[in-house]
Amino acid sequence: MANFVLNAVARDESVQGKGSSRRLRLQAKVPAIIYGGEAAPVTVTLELRELVKALENNDFFAEVVEIKIGDKVESVKIQALQRHPAKNTPMHADFKRA
């Protein structure tokens, strides 16, 4: 059982790209992607507040994290995290299936 559980919303192809990601960040959301394994990559949106709270704990980077997308749960590990250069807030996250 993972200690960290994040709630996410799946994004369709019409809400992807630079402009859409900027609009999401203005709404205090973080674009992310889940990839790896046999399944196809899934683009999701995370709440900034939830992600920042999880990032405060160093174990977040070493342990398996559960991401709930509707009624589906993905077990993942964080692969990469992009932060704003001046504000240090998360801008994008990559998760790899465990």
PDB file of N, CA and C in Angstrom:
ATOM      1  N   MET A   1       0.841  -1.186   0.000  1.00  0.00           N
ATOM      2  CA  MET A   1       0.000   0.000   0.000  1.00  0.00           C
ATOM      3  C   MET A   1       0.883   1.245   0.000  1.00  0.00           C
ATOM      4  N   ALA A   2       0.581   2.144  -0.883  1.00  0.00           N
ATOM      5  CA  ALA A   2       1.367   3.369  -0.996  1.00  0.00           C
ATOM      6  C   ALA A   2       0.956   4.369   0.079  1.00  0.00           C
ATOM      7  N   ASN A   3       1.935   5.101   0.567  1.00  0.00           N
ATOM      8  CA  ASN A   3       1.669   6.144   1.560  1.00  0.00           C
ATOM      9  C   ASN A   3       1.120   7.403   0.919  1.00  0.00           C
ATOM     10  N   PHE A   4       1.348   7.568  -0.371  1.00  0.00           N
ATOM     11  CA  PHE A   4       0.930   8.771  -1.072  1.00  0.00           C
ATOM     12  C   PHE A   4      -0.147   8.429  -2.086  1.00  0.00           C
ATOM     13  N   VAL A   5      -1.251   9.151  -2.022  1.00  0.00           N
ATOM     14  CA  VAL A   5      -2.348   8.966  -2.966  1.00  0.00           C
ATOM     15  C   VAL A   5      -2.703  10.334  -3.530  1.00  0.00           C
ATOM     16  N   LEU A   6      -2.644  10.459  -4.851  1.00  0.00           N
ATOM     17  CA  LEU A   6      -2.984  11.711  -5.520  1.00  0.00           C
ATOM     18  C   LEU A   6      -4.221  11.491  -6.374  1.00  0.00           C
ATOM     19  N   ASN A   7      -5.101  12.465  -6.388  1.00  0.00           N
ATOM     20  CA  ASN A   7      -6.283  12.414  -7.244  1.00  0.00           C
ATOM     21  C   ASN A   7      -5.967  13.138  -8.537  1.00  0.00           C
ATOM     22  N   ALA A   8      -6.374  12.557  -9.655  1.00  0.00           N
ATOM     23  CA  ALA A   8      -6.078  13.140 -10.957  1.00  0.00           C
ATOM     24  C   ALA A   8      -7.307  13.072 -11.849  1.00  0.00           C
ATOM     25  N   VAL A   9      -7.279  13.891 -12.884  1.00  0.00           N
ATOM     26  CA  VAL A   9      -8.323  13.899 -13.900  1.00  0.00           C
ATOM     27  C   VAL A   9      -7.637  13.669 -15.233  1.00  0.00           C
ATOM     28  N   ALA A  10      -8.143  12.732 -16.023  1.00  0.00           N
ATOM     29  CA  ALA A  10      -7.564  12.452 -17.338  1.00  0.00           C
ATOM     30  C   ALA A  10      -7.850  13.619 -18.284  1.00  0.00           C
ATOM     31  N   ARG A  11      -6.897  13.901 -19.162  1.00  0.00           N
ATOM     32  CA  ARG A  11      -7.062  14.969 -20.161  1.00  0.00           C
ATOM     33  C   ARG A  11      -7.184  14.355 -21.538  1.00  0.00           C
ATOM     34  N   ASP A  12      -8.075  14.907 -22.389  1.00  0.00           N
ATOM     35  CA  ASP A  12      -8.135  14.414 -23.768  1.00  0.00           C
ATOM     36  C   ASP A  12      -7.156  15.207 -24.622  1.00  0.00           C
ATOM     37  N   GLU A  13      -7.035  14.797 -25.852  1.00  0.00           N
ATOM     38  CA  GLU A  13      -6.038  15.394 -26.737  1.00  0.00           C
ATOM     39  C   GLU A  13      -6.319  16.865 -27.019  1.00  0.00           C
ATOM     40  N   SER A  14      -7.577  17.286 -26.899  1.00  0.00           N
ATOM     41  CA  SER A  14      -7.906  18.681 -27.181  1.00  0.00           C
ATOM     42  C   SER A  14      -7.382  19.622 -26.090  1.00  0.00           C
ATOM     43  N   VAL A  15      -7.040  19.083 -24.913  1.00  0.00           N
ATOM     44  CA  VAL A  15      -6.559  19.906 -23.798  1.00  0.00           C
ATOM     45  C   VAL A  15      -5.088  19.602 -23.528  1.00  0.00           C
ATOM     46  N   GLN A  16      -4.311  19.470 -24.591  1.00  0.00           N
ATOM     47  CA  GLN A  16      -2.891  19.221 -24.446  1.00  0.00           C
ATOM     48  C   GLN A  16      -2.122  20.256 -25.235  1.00  0.00           C
ATOM     49  N   GLY A  17      -0.885  20.455 -24.896  1.00  0.00           N
ATOM     50  CA  GLY A  17      -0.055  21.426 -25.588  1.00  0.00           C
ATOM     51  C   GLY A  17       0.340  22.566 -24.677  1.00  0.00           C
ATOM     52  N   LYS A  18       1.151  23.464 -25.209  1.00  0.00           N
ATOM     53  CA  LYS A  18       1.703  24.555 -24.410  1.00  0.00           C
ATOM     54  C   LYS A  18       0.617  25.497 -23.885  1.00  0.00           C
ATOM     55  N   GLY A  19      -0.287  25.938 -24.736  1.00  0.00           N
ATOM     56  CA  GLY A  19      -1.328  26.873 -24.320  1.00  0.00           C
ATOM     57  C   GLY A  19      -2.265  26.271 -23.290  1.00  0.00           C
ATOM     58  N   SER A  20      -2.667  25.038 -23.504  1.00  0.00           N
ATOM     59  CA  SER A  20      -3.556  24.367 -22.554  1.00  0.00           C
ATOM     60  C   SER A  20      -2.879  24.155 -21.210  1.00  0.00           C
ATOM     61  N   SER A  21      -1.595  23.809 -21.239  1.00  0.00           N
ATOM     62  CA  SER A  21      -0.853  23.614 -19.995  1.00  0.00           C
ATOM     63  C   SER A  21      -0.740  24.926 -19.222  1.00  0.00           C
ATOM     64  N   ARG A  22      -0.543  26.017 -19.922  1.00  0.00           N
ATOM     65  CA  ARG A  22      -0.475  27.320 -19.259  1.00  0.00           C
ATOM     66  C   ARG A  22      -1.813  27.670 -18.603  1.00  0.00           C
ATOM     67  N   ARG A  23      -2.913  27.403 -19.309  1.00  0.00           N
ATOM     68  CA  ARG A  23      -4.241  27.669 -18.734  1.00  0.00           C
ATOM     69  C   ARG A  23      -4.487  26.806 -17.507  1.00  0.00           C
ATOM     70  N   LEU A  24      -4.018  25.554 -17.530  1.00  0.00           N
ATOM     71  CA  LEU A  24      -4.172  24.679 -16.364  1.00  0.00           C
ATOM     72  C   LEU A  24      -3.395  25.236 -15.170  1.00  0.00           C
ATOM     73  N   ARG A  25      -2.173  25.699 -15.402  1.00  0.00           N
ATOM     74  CA  ARG A  25      -1.361  26.230 -14.305  1.00  0.00           C
ATOM     75  C   ARG A  25      -1.986  27.477 -13.696  1.00  0.00           C
ATOM     76  N   LEU A  26      -2.671  28.286 -14.499  1.00  0.00           N
ATOM     77  CA  LEU A  26      -3.364  29.457 -13.972  1.00  0.00           C
ATOM     78  C   LEU A  26      -4.530  29.061 -13.066  1.00  0.00           C
ATOM     79  N   GLN A  27      -5.042  27.846 -13.232  1.00  0.00           N
ATOM     80  CA  GLN A  27      -6.139  27.329 -12.399  1.00  0.00           C
ATOM     81  C   GLN A  27      -5.607  26.506 -11.235  1.00  0.00           C
ATOM     82  N   ALA A  28      -4.316  26.624 -10.922  1.00  0.00           N
ATOM     83  CA  ALA A  28      -3.655  25.884  -9.822  1.00  0.00           C
ATOM     84  C   ALA A  28      -3.708  24.380 -10.062  1.00  0.00           C
ATOM     85  N   LYS A  29      -3.455  23.977 -11.300  1.00  0.00           N
ATOM     86  CA  LYS A  29      -3.385  22.565 -11.655  1.00  0.00           C
ATOM     87  C   LYS A  29      -2.046  22.301 -12.329  1.00  0.00           C
ATOM     88  N   VAL A  30      -1.601  21.051 -12.267  1.00  0.00           N
ATOM     89  CA  VAL A  30      -0.305  20.677 -12.830  1.00  0.00           C
ATOM     90  C   VAL A  30      -0.520  19.584 -13.881  1.00  0.00           C
ATOM     91  N   PRO A  31      -0.093  19.809 -15.127  1.00  0.00           N
ATOM     92  CA  PRO A  31      -0.172  18.750 -16.125  1.00  0.00           C
ATOM     93  C   PRO A  31       0.855  17.662 -15.819  1.00  0.00           C
ATOM     94  N   ALA A  32       0.480  16.407 -16.079  1.00  0.00           N
ATOM     95  CA  ALA A  32       1.385  15.283 -15.816  1.00  0.00           C
ATOM     96  C   ALA A  32       1.111  14.182 -16.822  1.00  0.00           C
ATOM     97  N   ILE A  33       2.025  13.229 -16.888  1.00  0.00           N
ATOM     98  CA  ILE A  33       1.856  12.072 -17.764  1.00  0.00           C
ATOM     99  C   ILE A  33       2.253  10.813 -17.001  1.00  0.00           C
ATOM    100  N   ILE A  34       1.544   9.737 -17.288  1.00  0.00           N
ATOM    101  CA  ILE A  34       1.847   8.419 -16.724  1.00  0.00           C
ATOM    102  C   ILE A  34       2.187   7.517 -17.905  1.00  0.00           C
ATOM    103  N   TYR A  35       3.355   6.887 -17.873  1.00  0.00           N
ATOM    104  CA  TYR A  35       3.765   6.023 -18.982  1.00  0.00           C
ATOM    105  C   TYR A  35       4.477   4.800 -18.451  1.00  0.00           C
ATOM    106  N   GLY A  36       4.825   3.899 -19.362  1.00  0.00           N
ATOM    107  CA  GLY A  36       5.546   2.676 -19.006  1.00  0.00           C
ATOM    108  C   GLY A  36       4.628   1.479 -18.956  1.00  0.00           C
ATOM    109  N   GLY A  37       5.234   0.303 -18.875  1.00  0.00           N
ATOM    110  CA  GLY A  37       4.444  -0.924 -18.821  1.00  0.00           C
ATOM    111  C   GLY A  37       3.800  -1.222 -20.167  1.00  0.00           C
ATOM    112  N   GLU A  38       2.783  -2.058 -20.140  1.00  0.00           N
ATOM    113  CA  GLU A  38       2.099  -2.474 -21.364  1.00  0.00           C
ATOM    114  C   GLU A  38       1.035  -1.482 -21.809  1.00  0.00           C
ATOM    115  N   ALA A  39       0.505  -0.691 -20.885  1.00  0.00           N
ATOM    116  CA  ALA A  39      -0.586   0.228 -21.206  1.00  0.00           C
ATOM    117  C   ALA A  39      -0.069   1.472 -21.933  1.00  0.00           C
ATOM    118  N   ALA A  40      -0.978   2.141 -22.610  1.00  0.00           N
ATOM    119  CA  ALA A  40      -0.637   3.369 -23.332  1.00  0.00           C
ATOM    120  C   ALA A  40      -0.427   4.519 -22.344  1.00  0.00           C
ATOM    121  N   PRO A  41       0.371   5.503 -22.729  1.00  0.00           N
ATOM    122  CA  PRO A  41       0.556   6.667 -21.853  1.00  0.00           C
ATOM    123  C   PRO A  41      -0.767   7.406 -21.616  1.00  0.00           C
ATOM    124  N   VAL A  42      -0.897   7.959 -20.418  1.00  0.00           N
ATOM    125  CA  VAL A  42      -2.112   8.677 -20.047  1.00  0.00           C
ATOM    126  C   VAL A  42      -1.712  10.070 -19.576  1.00  0.00           C
ATOM    127  N   THR A  43      -2.331  11.104 -20.146  1.00  0.00           N
ATOM    128  CA  THR A  43      -2.078  12.466 -19.679  1.00  0.00           C
ATOM    129  C   THR A  43      -3.133  12.807 -18.635  1.00  0.00           C
ATOM    130  N   VAL A  44      -2.679  13.395 -17.533  1.00  0.00           N
ATOM    131  CA  VAL A  44      -3.577  13.703 -16.424  1.00  0.00           C
ATOM    132  C   VAL A  44      -3.315  15.114 -15.914  1.00  0.00           C
ATOM    133  N   THR A  45      -4.228  15.573 -15.076  1.00  0.00           N
ATOM    134  CA  THR A  45      -4.090  16.866 -14.409  1.00  0.00           C
ATOM    135  C   THR A  45      -4.155  16.631 -12.915  1.00  0.00           C
ATOM    136  N   LEU A  46      -3.181  17.164 -12.185  1.00  0.00           N
ATOM    137  CA  LEU A  46      -3.129  17.041 -10.730  1.00  0.00           C
ATOM    138  C   LEU A  46      -3.413  18.393 -10.083  1.00  0.00           C
ATOM    139  N   GLU A  47      -3.925  18.366  -8.868  1.00  0.00           N
ATOM    140  CA  GLU A  47      -4.114  19.602  -8.108  1.00  0.00           C
ATOM    141  C   GLU A  47      -2.751  20.053  -7.583  1.00  0.00           C
ATOM    142  N   LEU A  48      -2.408  21.315  -7.786  1.00  0.00           N
ATOM    143  CA  LEU A  48      -1.128  21.854  -7.340  1.00  0.00           C
ATOM    144  C   LEU A  48      -0.954  21.698  -5.834  1.00  0.00           C
ATOM    145  N   ARG A  49      -2.008  21.988  -5.081  1.00  0.00           N
ATOM    146  CA  ARG A  49      -1.946  21.932  -3.616  1.00  0.00           C
ATOM    147  C   ARG A  49      -1.598  20.528  -3.136  1.00  0.00           C
ATOM    148  N   GLU A  50      -2.230  19.507  -3.714  1.00  0.00           N
ATOM    149  CA  GLU A  50      -1.965  18.111  -3.323  1.00  0.00           C
ATOM    150  C   GLU A  50      -0.525  17.718  -3.648  1.00  0.00           C
ATOM    151  N   LEU A  51      -0.067  18.086  -4.845  1.00  0.00           N
ATOM    152  CA  LEU A  51       1.277  17.713  -5.276  1.00  0.00           C
ATOM    153  C   LEU A  51       2.339  18.394  -4.404  1.00  0.00           C
ATOM    154  N   VAL A  52       2.159  19.670  -4.101  1.00  0.00           N
ATOM    155  CA  VAL A  52       3.129  20.392  -3.268  1.00  0.00           C
ATOM    156  C   VAL A  52       3.204  19.766  -1.882  1.00  0.00           C
ATOM    157  N   LYS A  53       2.067  19.392  -1.319  1.00  0.00           N
ATOM    158  CA  LYS A  53       2.048  18.758  -0.001  1.00  0.00           C
ATOM    159  C   LYS A  53       2.809  17.433  -0.025  1.00  0.00           C
ATOM    160  N   ALA A  54       2.619  16.634  -1.086  1.00  0.00           N
ATOM    161  CA  ALA A  54       3.330  15.361  -1.203  1.00  0.00           C
ATOM    162  C   ALA A  54       4.829  15.579  -1.397  1.00  0.00           C
ATOM    163  N   LEU A  55       5.208  16.619  -2.136  1.00  0.00           N
ATOM    164  CA  LEU A  55       6.619  16.885  -2.414  1.00  0.00           C
ATOM    165  C   LEU A  55       7.393  17.325  -1.177  1.00  0.00           C
ATOM    166  N   GLU A  56       6.699  17.760  -0.133  1.00  0.00           N
ATOM    167  CA  GLU A  56       7.375  18.172   1.101  1.00  0.00           C
ATOM    168  C   GLU A  56       8.055  16.995   1.797  1.00  0.00           C
ATOM    169  N   ASN A  57       7.589  15.784   1.527  1.00  0.00           N
ATOM    170  CA  ASN A  57       8.143  14.583   2.141  1.00  0.00           C
ATOM    171  C   ASN A  57       9.142  13.953   1.162  1.00  0.00           C
ATOM    172  N   ASN A  58      10.369  13.731   1.581  1.00  0.00           N
ATOM    173  CA  ASN A  58      11.392  13.155   0.708  1.00  0.00           C
ATOM    174  C   ASN A  58      11.070  11.726   0.288  1.00  0.00           C
ATOM    175  N   ASP A  59      10.273  11.005   1.060  1.00  0.00           N
ATOM    176  CA  ASP A  59       9.900   9.633   0.702  1.00  0.00           C
ATOM    177  C   ASP A  59       9.087   9.583  -0.583  1.00  0.00           C
ATOM    178  N   PHE A  60       8.464  10.692  -0.958  1.00  0.00           N
ATOM    179  CA  PHE A  60       7.660  10.749  -2.183  1.00  0.00           C
ATOM    180  C   PHE A  60       8.493  10.354  -3.401  1.00  0.00           C
ATOM    181  N   PHE A  61       9.781  10.685  -3.393  1.00  0.00           N
ATOM    182  CA  PHE A  61      10.651  10.420  -4.535  1.00  0.00           C
ATOM    183  C   PHE A  61      11.151   8.979  -4.578  1.00  0.00           C
ATOM    184  N   ALA A  62      11.013   8.236  -3.476  1.00  0.00           N
ATOM    185  CA  ALA A  62      11.540   6.872  -3.411  1.00  0.00           C
ATOM    186  C   ALA A  62      10.445   5.812  -3.401  1.00  0.00           C
ATOM    187  N   GLU A  63       9.256   6.148  -2.946  1.00  0.00           N
ATOM    188  CA  GLU A  63       8.196   5.149  -2.776  1.00  0.00           C
ATOM    189  C   GLU A  63       7.240   5.134  -3.962  1.00  0.00           C
ATOM    190  N   VAL A  64       6.448   4.067  -4.001  1.00  0.00           N
ATOM    191  CA  VAL A  64       5.404   3.942  -5.004  1.00  0.00           C
ATOM    192  C   VAL A  64       4.242   4.847  -4.604  1.00  0.00           C
ATOM    193  N   VAL A  65       3.735   5.594  -5.579  1.00  0.00           N
ATOM    194  CA  VAL A  65       2.642   6.540  -5.367  1.00  0.00           C
ATOM    195  C   VAL A  65       1.418   6.000  -6.092  1.00  0.00           C
ATOM    196  N   GLU A  66       0.246   6.153  -5.486  1.00  0.00           N
ATOM    197  CA  GLU A  66      -0.994   5.764  -6.156  1.00  0.00           C
ATOM    198  C   GLU A  66      -1.656   7.010  -6.718  1.00  0.00           C
ATOM    199  N   ILE A  67      -2.037   6.953  -7.985  1.00  0.00           N
ATOM    200  CA  ILE A  67      -2.755   8.048  -8.610  1.00  0.00           C
ATOM    201  C   ILE A  67      -4.139   7.522  -8.991  1.00  0.00           C
ATOM    202  N   LYS A  68      -5.171   8.143  -8.450  1.00  0.00           N
ATOM    203  CA  LYS A  68      -6.548   7.763  -8.751  1.00  0.00           C
ATOM    204  C   LYS A  68      -7.050   8.607  -9.913  1.00  0.00           C
ATOM    205  N   ILE A  69      -7.429   7.920 -10.986  1.00  0.00           N
ATOM    206  CA  ILE A  69      -7.991   8.585 -12.154  1.00  0.00           C
ATOM    207  C   ILE A  69      -9.417   8.063 -12.290  1.00  0.00           C
ATOM    208  N   GLY A  70     -10.364   8.797 -11.739  1.00  0.00           N
ATOM    209  CA  GLY A  70     -11.741   8.317 -11.705  1.00  0.00           C
ATOM    210  C   GLY A  70     -11.831   7.121 -10.780  1.00  0.00           C
ATOM    211  N   ASP A  71     -12.244   5.963 -11.305  1.00  0.00           N
ATOM    212  CA  ASP A  71     -12.325   4.752 -10.485  1.00  0.00           C
ATOM    213  C   ASP A  71     -11.120   3.843 -10.691  1.00  0.00           C
ATOM    214  N   LYS A  72     -10.176   4.263 -11.528  1.00  0.00           N
ATOM    215  CA  LYS A  72      -8.976   3.477 -11.817  1.00  0.00           C
ATOM    216  C   LYS A  72      -7.811   3.977 -10.960  1.00  0.00           C
ATOM    217  N   VAL A  73      -6.976   3.057 -10.467  1.00  0.00           N
ATOM    218  CA  VAL A  73      -5.822   3.423  -9.643  1.00  0.00           C
ATOM    219  C   VAL A  73      -4.551   2.936 -10.334  1.00  0.00           C
ATOM    220  N   GLU A  74      -3.587   3.851 -10.499  1.00  0.00           N
ATOM    221  CA  GLU A  74      -2.296   3.521 -11.101  1.00  0.00           C
ATOM    222  C   GLU A  74      -1.224   3.572 -10.015  1.00  0.00           C
ATOM    223  N   SER A  75      -0.378   2.552  -9.940  1.00  0.00           N
ATOM    224  CA  SER A  75       0.771   2.553  -9.029  1.00  0.00           C
ATOM    225  C   SER A  75       1.981   3.018  -9.825  1.00  0.00           C
ATOM    226  N   VAL A  76       2.554   4.133  -9.410  1.00  0.00           N
ATOM    227  CA  VAL A  76       3.628   4.763 -10.184  1.00  0.00           C
ATOM    228  C   VAL A  76       4.749   5.242  -9.267  1.00  0.00           C
ATOM    229  N   LYS A  77       5.872   5.564  -9.888  1.00  0.00           N
ATOM    230  CA  LYS A  77       6.978   6.250  -9.201  1.00  0.00           C
ATOM    231  C   LYS A  77       7.262   7.509 -10.003  1.00  0.00           C
ATOM    232  N   ILE A  78       7.641   8.571  -9.307  1.00  0.00           N
ATOM    233  CA  ILE A  78       7.922   9.819 -10.018  1.00  0.00           C
ATOM    234  C   ILE A  78       9.234   9.667 -10.785  1.00  0.00           C
ATOM    235  N   GLN A  79       9.205  10.036 -12.054  1.00  0.00           N
ATOM    236  CA  GLN A  79      10.368   9.901 -12.916  1.00  0.00           C
ATOM    237  C   GLN A  79      11.066  11.257 -13.093  1.00  0.00           C
ATOM    238  N   ALA A  80      10.272  12.303 -13.314  1.00  0.00           N
ATOM    239  CA  ALA A  80      10.846  13.636 -13.524  1.00  0.00           C
ATOM    240  C   ALA A  80       9.857  14.685 -13.025  1.00  0.00           C
ATOM    241  N   LEU A  81      10.406  15.796 -12.556  1.00  0.00           N
ATOM    242  CA  LEU A  81       9.582  16.895 -12.074  1.00  0.00           C
ATOM    243  C   LEU A  81      10.191  18.192 -12.565  1.00  0.00           C
ATOM    244  N   GLN A  82       9.404  18.972 -13.288  1.00  0.00           N
ATOM    245  CA  GLN A  82       9.876  20.271 -13.756  1.00  0.00           C
ATOM    246  C   GLN A  82       9.303  21.341 -12.841  1.00  0.00           C
ATOM    247  N   ARG A  83      10.159  22.253 -12.399  1.00  0.00           N
ATOM    248  CA  ARG A  83       9.738  23.331 -11.509  1.00  0.00           C
ATOM    249  C   ARG A  83       9.956  24.681 -12.187  1.00  0.00           C
ATOM    250  N   HIS A  84       9.187  25.663 -11.770  1.00  0.00           N
ATOM    251  CA  HIS A  84       9.359  27.029 -12.264  1.00  0.00           C
ATOM    252  C   HIS A  84      10.719  27.535 -11.781  1.00  0.00           C
ATOM    253  N   PRO A  85      11.515  28.171 -12.642  1.00  0.00           N
ATOM    254  CA  PRO A  85      12.863  28.567 -12.255  1.00  0.00           C
ATOM    255  C   PRO A  85      12.920  29.581 -11.107  1.00  0.00           C
ATOM    256  N   ALA A  86      11.962  30.475 -11.013  1.00  0.00           N
ATOM    257  CA  ALA A  86      12.012  31.495  -9.965  1.00  0.00           C
ATOM    258  C   ALA A  86      11.121  31.152  -8.771  1.00  0.00           C
ATOM    259  N   LYS A  87       9.919  30.645  -9.038  1.00  0.00           N
ATOM    260  CA  LYS A  87       8.959  30.382  -7.963  1.00  0.00           C
ATOM    261  C   LYS A  87       9.151  29.014  -7.307  1.00  0.00           C
ATOM    262  N   ASN A  88       9.825  28.104  -8.003  1.00  0.00           N
ATOM    263  CA  ASN A  88      10.076  26.741  -7.518  1.00  0.00           C
ATOM    264  C   ASN A  88       8.804  25.904  -7.385  1.00  0.00           C
ATOM    265  N   THR A  89       7.721  26.311  -8.032  1.00  0.00           N
ATOM    266  CA  THR A  89       6.490  25.516  -7.998  1.00  0.00           C
ATOM    267  C   THR A  89       6.531  24.481  -9.114  1.00  0.00           C
ATOM    268  N   PRO A  90       5.915  23.313  -8.930  1.00  0.00           N
ATOM    269  CA  PRO A  90       5.907  22.287  -9.972  1.00  0.00           C
ATOM    270  C   PRO A  90       5.163  22.767 -11.219  1.00  0.00           C
ATOM    271  N   MET A  91       5.754  22.485 -12.384  1.00  0.00           N
ATOM    272  CA  MET A  91       5.122  22.869 -13.644  1.00  0.00           C
ATOM    273  C   MET A  91       4.649  21.650 -14.429  1.00  0.00           C
ATOM    274  N   HIS A  92       5.329  20.523 -14.264  1.00  0.00           N
ATOM    275  CA  HIS A  92       4.969  19.295 -14.982  1.00  0.00           C
ATOM    276  C   HIS A  92       5.601  18.111 -14.258  1.00  0.00           C
ATOM    277  N   ALA A  93       4.903  16.988 -14.260  1.00  0.00           N
ATOM    278  CA  ALA A  93       5.437  15.789 -13.611  1.00  0.00           C
ATOM    279  C   ALA A  93       5.321  14.602 -14.555  1.00  0.00           C
ATOM    280  N   ASP A  94       6.334  13.744 -14.541  1.00  0.00           N
ATOM    281  CA  ASP A  94       6.335  12.486 -15.278  1.00  0.00           C
ATOM    282  C   ASP A  94       6.316  11.354 -14.263  1.00  0.00           C
ATOM    283  N   PHE A  95       5.404  10.421 -14.457  1.00  0.00           N
ATOM    284  CA  PHE A  95       5.305   9.259 -13.580  1.00  0.00           C
ATOM    285  C   PHE A  95       5.473   8.006 -14.426  1.00  0.00           C
ATOM    286  N   LYS A  96       6.226   7.023 -13.892  1.00  0.00           N
ATOM    287  CA  LYS A  96       6.440   5.748 -14.573  1.00  0.00           C
ATOM    288  C   LYS A  96       5.722   4.658 -13.798  1.00  0.00           C
ATOM    289  N   ARG A  97       4.979   3.816 -14.499  1.00  0.00           N
ATOM    290  CA  ARG A  97       4.252   2.745 -13.819  1.00  0.00           C
ATOM    291  C   ARG A  97       5.219   1.803 -13.131  1.00  0.00           C
ATOM    292  N   ALA A  98       4.860   1.403 -11.914  1.00  0.00           N
ATOM    293  CA  ALA A  98       5.714   0.511 -11.122  1.00  0.00           C
ATOM    294  C   ALA A  98       5.373  -0.942 -11.379  1.00  0.00           C
TER     295      ALA A  98
END
